[in-house]
């Protein structure tokens, strides 16, 4: 989770964020693929890499 978060947001996840994601994974409300999509679709990720995605035609 930490690596995915670091690569998506260019920062480490807080303990609160890690706990939130781990709880969702443990409950089965989110799987690893869903976590990746949730992070990538977040407003923070779009602000971080959105211009690259637009340039490459992803959006």
N, C-alpha and C. Protein backbone atom coordinates (compact mmCIF):
# COMPACT_ATOMS: atom_id res chain seq x y z
N UNK A 1 0.81 -1.18 0.00
CA UNK A 1 0.00 0.00 0.00
C UNK A 1 0.86 1.25 0.00
N UNK A 2 1.92 1.22 0.79
CA UNK A 2 2.76 2.41 0.89
C UNK A 2 3.43 2.73 -0.46
N UNK A 3 3.90 1.71 -1.15
CA UNK A 3 4.55 1.92 -2.44
C UNK A 3 3.56 2.47 -3.47
N UNK A 4 2.37 1.90 -3.50
CA UNK A 4 1.34 2.38 -4.42
C UNK A 4 0.99 3.84 -4.12
N UNK A 5 0.86 4.15 -2.85
CA UNK A 5 0.54 5.52 -2.44
C UNK A 5 1.68 6.46 -2.81
N UNK A 6 2.90 6.06 -2.54
CA UNK A 6 4.07 6.89 -2.85
C UNK A 6 4.17 7.15 -4.36
N UNK A 7 3.96 6.12 -5.15
CA UNK A 7 4.05 6.27 -6.60
C UNK A 7 2.90 7.09 -7.18
N UNK A 8 1.75 7.05 -6.54
CA UNK A 8 0.59 7.79 -7.04
C UNK A 8 0.65 9.26 -6.64
N UNK A 9 0.97 9.51 -5.36
CA UNK A 9 0.89 10.88 -4.84
C UNK A 9 2.24 11.55 -4.62
N UNK A 10 3.31 10.79 -4.84
CA UNK A 10 4.66 11.31 -4.61
C UNK A 10 4.86 11.73 -3.15
N UNK A 11 4.21 10.98 -2.26
CA UNK A 11 4.36 11.20 -0.81
C UNK A 11 3.96 9.92 -0.10
N UNK A 12 4.44 9.78 1.12
CA UNK A 12 4.09 8.61 1.93
C UNK A 12 2.66 8.74 2.44
N UNK A 13 2.01 7.62 2.61
CA UNK A 13 0.67 7.60 3.21
C UNK A 13 0.79 7.81 4.71
N UNK A 14 -0.18 8.50 5.27
CA UNK A 14 -0.20 8.68 6.71
C UNK A 14 -0.67 7.37 7.36
N UNK A 15 -0.46 7.25 8.64
CA UNK A 15 -0.95 6.07 9.36
C UNK A 15 -2.47 5.97 9.26
N UNK A 16 -3.14 7.10 9.27
CA UNK A 16 -4.61 7.12 9.14
C UNK A 16 -5.03 6.59 7.77
N UNK A 17 -4.34 7.02 6.73
CA UNK A 17 -4.66 6.54 5.38
C UNK A 17 -4.40 5.05 5.25
N UNK A 18 -3.26 4.60 5.76
CA UNK A 18 -2.94 3.17 5.70
C UNK A 18 -3.98 2.36 6.46
N UNK A 19 -4.38 2.83 7.61
CA UNK A 19 -5.40 2.13 8.41
C UNK A 19 -6.72 2.05 7.67
N UNK A 20 -7.09 3.12 7.02
CA UNK A 20 -8.34 3.15 6.25
C UNK A 20 -8.31 2.12 5.13
N UNK A 21 -7.23 2.13 4.36
CA UNK A 21 -7.11 1.18 3.25
C UNK A 21 -7.06 -0.26 3.76
N UNK A 22 -6.30 -0.48 4.82
CA UNK A 22 -6.18 -1.84 5.35
C UNK A 22 -7.52 -2.35 5.85
N UNK A 23 -8.29 -1.49 6.48
CA UNK A 23 -9.62 -1.89 6.96
C UNK A 23 -10.52 -2.29 5.80
N UNK A 24 -10.50 -1.52 4.74
CA UNK A 24 -11.32 -1.85 3.56
C UNK A 24 -10.88 -3.18 2.94
N UNK A 25 -9.58 -3.40 2.88
CA UNK A 25 -9.07 -4.66 2.34
C UNK A 25 -9.46 -5.83 3.24
N UNK A 26 -9.33 -5.65 4.55
CA UNK A 26 -9.68 -6.72 5.50
C UNK A 26 -11.17 -7.07 5.45
N UNK A 27 -12.00 -6.06 5.27
CA UNK A 27 -13.45 -6.29 5.23
C UNK A 27 -13.92 -6.83 3.88
N UNK A 28 -13.05 -6.75 2.89
CA UNK A 28 -13.41 -7.23 1.56
C UNK A 28 -14.23 -6.23 0.77
N UNK A 29 -14.34 -5.01 1.26
CA UNK A 29 -15.07 -3.98 0.52
C UNK A 29 -14.24 -3.38 -0.59
N UNK A 30 -12.95 -3.72 -0.60
CA UNK A 30 -12.02 -3.22 -1.60
C UNK A 30 -10.95 -4.27 -1.80
N UNK A 31 -10.59 -4.53 -3.06
CA UNK A 31 -9.46 -5.42 -3.32
C UNK A 31 -8.28 -4.58 -3.80
N UNK A 32 -7.15 -5.22 -4.05
CA UNK A 32 -5.94 -4.48 -4.44
C UNK A 32 -6.14 -3.69 -5.73
N UNK A 33 -6.83 -4.28 -6.69
CA UNK A 33 -7.10 -3.57 -7.94
C UNK A 33 -7.99 -2.36 -7.69
N UNK A 34 -9.00 -2.54 -6.85
CA UNK A 34 -9.90 -1.44 -6.51
C UNK A 34 -9.17 -0.33 -5.79
N UNK A 35 -8.23 -0.70 -4.94
CA UNK A 35 -7.44 0.31 -4.24
C UNK A 35 -6.64 1.14 -5.24
N UNK A 36 -6.02 0.48 -6.19
CA UNK A 36 -5.25 1.20 -7.20
C UNK A 36 -6.13 2.17 -7.98
N UNK A 37 -7.33 1.72 -8.35
CA UNK A 37 -8.26 2.58 -9.09
C UNK A 37 -8.71 3.74 -8.21
N UNK A 38 -9.04 3.45 -6.95
CA UNK A 38 -9.49 4.50 -6.03
C UNK A 38 -8.42 5.59 -5.87
N UNK A 39 -7.18 5.17 -5.70
CA UNK A 39 -6.11 6.14 -5.56
C UNK A 39 -5.92 6.94 -6.85
N UNK A 40 -5.89 6.25 -7.98
CA UNK A 40 -5.65 6.92 -9.26
C UNK A 40 -6.77 7.89 -9.63
N UNK A 41 -7.99 7.60 -9.18
CA UNK A 41 -9.14 8.45 -9.53
C UNK A 41 -9.35 9.58 -8.54
N UNK A 42 -8.54 9.64 -7.50
CA UNK A 42 -8.73 10.67 -6.48
C UNK A 42 -8.34 12.05 -7.01
N UNK A 43 -8.91 13.06 -6.40
CA UNK A 43 -8.59 14.43 -6.83
C UNK A 43 -7.12 14.76 -6.61
N UNK A 44 -6.52 14.18 -5.56
CA UNK A 44 -5.10 14.41 -5.31
C UNK A 44 -4.24 13.83 -6.42
N UNK A 45 -4.58 12.62 -6.87
CA UNK A 45 -3.81 12.00 -7.95
C UNK A 45 -3.98 12.77 -9.24
N UNK A 46 -5.19 13.20 -9.52
CA UNK A 46 -5.43 13.96 -10.75
C UNK A 46 -4.65 15.26 -10.72
N UNK A 47 -4.59 15.90 -9.56
CA UNK A 47 -3.81 17.14 -9.44
C UNK A 47 -2.32 16.86 -9.60
N UNK A 48 -1.88 15.69 -9.13
CA UNK A 48 -0.46 15.33 -9.19
C UNK A 48 -0.02 14.92 -10.58
N UNK A 49 -0.81 14.07 -11.24
CA UNK A 49 -0.40 13.53 -12.55
C UNK A 49 -1.39 13.83 -13.66
N UNK A 50 -2.41 14.59 -13.38
CA UNK A 50 -3.46 14.85 -14.36
C UNK A 50 -2.97 15.45 -15.64
N UNK A 51 -2.02 16.35 -15.57
CA UNK A 51 -1.54 16.98 -16.80
C UNK A 51 -0.79 15.96 -17.66
N UNK A 52 -0.10 15.03 -17.05
CA UNK A 52 0.59 13.99 -17.80
C UNK A 52 -0.45 13.09 -18.47
N UNK A 53 -1.49 12.74 -17.75
CA UNK A 53 -2.53 11.89 -18.30
C UNK A 53 -3.23 12.57 -19.47
N UNK A 54 -3.50 13.85 -19.36
CA UNK A 54 -4.14 14.58 -20.44
C UNK A 54 -3.21 14.64 -21.66
N UNK A 55 -1.95 14.90 -21.42
CA UNK A 55 -0.98 15.01 -22.50
C UNK A 55 -0.87 13.68 -23.26
N UNK A 56 -0.90 12.59 -22.53
CA UNK A 56 -0.75 11.27 -23.15
C UNK A 56 -2.08 10.75 -23.70
N UNK A 57 -3.17 11.50 -23.52
CA UNK A 57 -4.46 11.09 -24.05
C UNK A 57 -5.22 10.11 -23.19
N UNK A 58 -4.91 10.04 -21.91
CA UNK A 58 -5.61 9.11 -21.01
C UNK A 58 -6.97 9.62 -20.61
N UNK A 59 -7.16 10.93 -20.61
CA UNK A 59 -8.44 11.50 -20.19
C UNK A 59 -9.21 11.99 -21.37
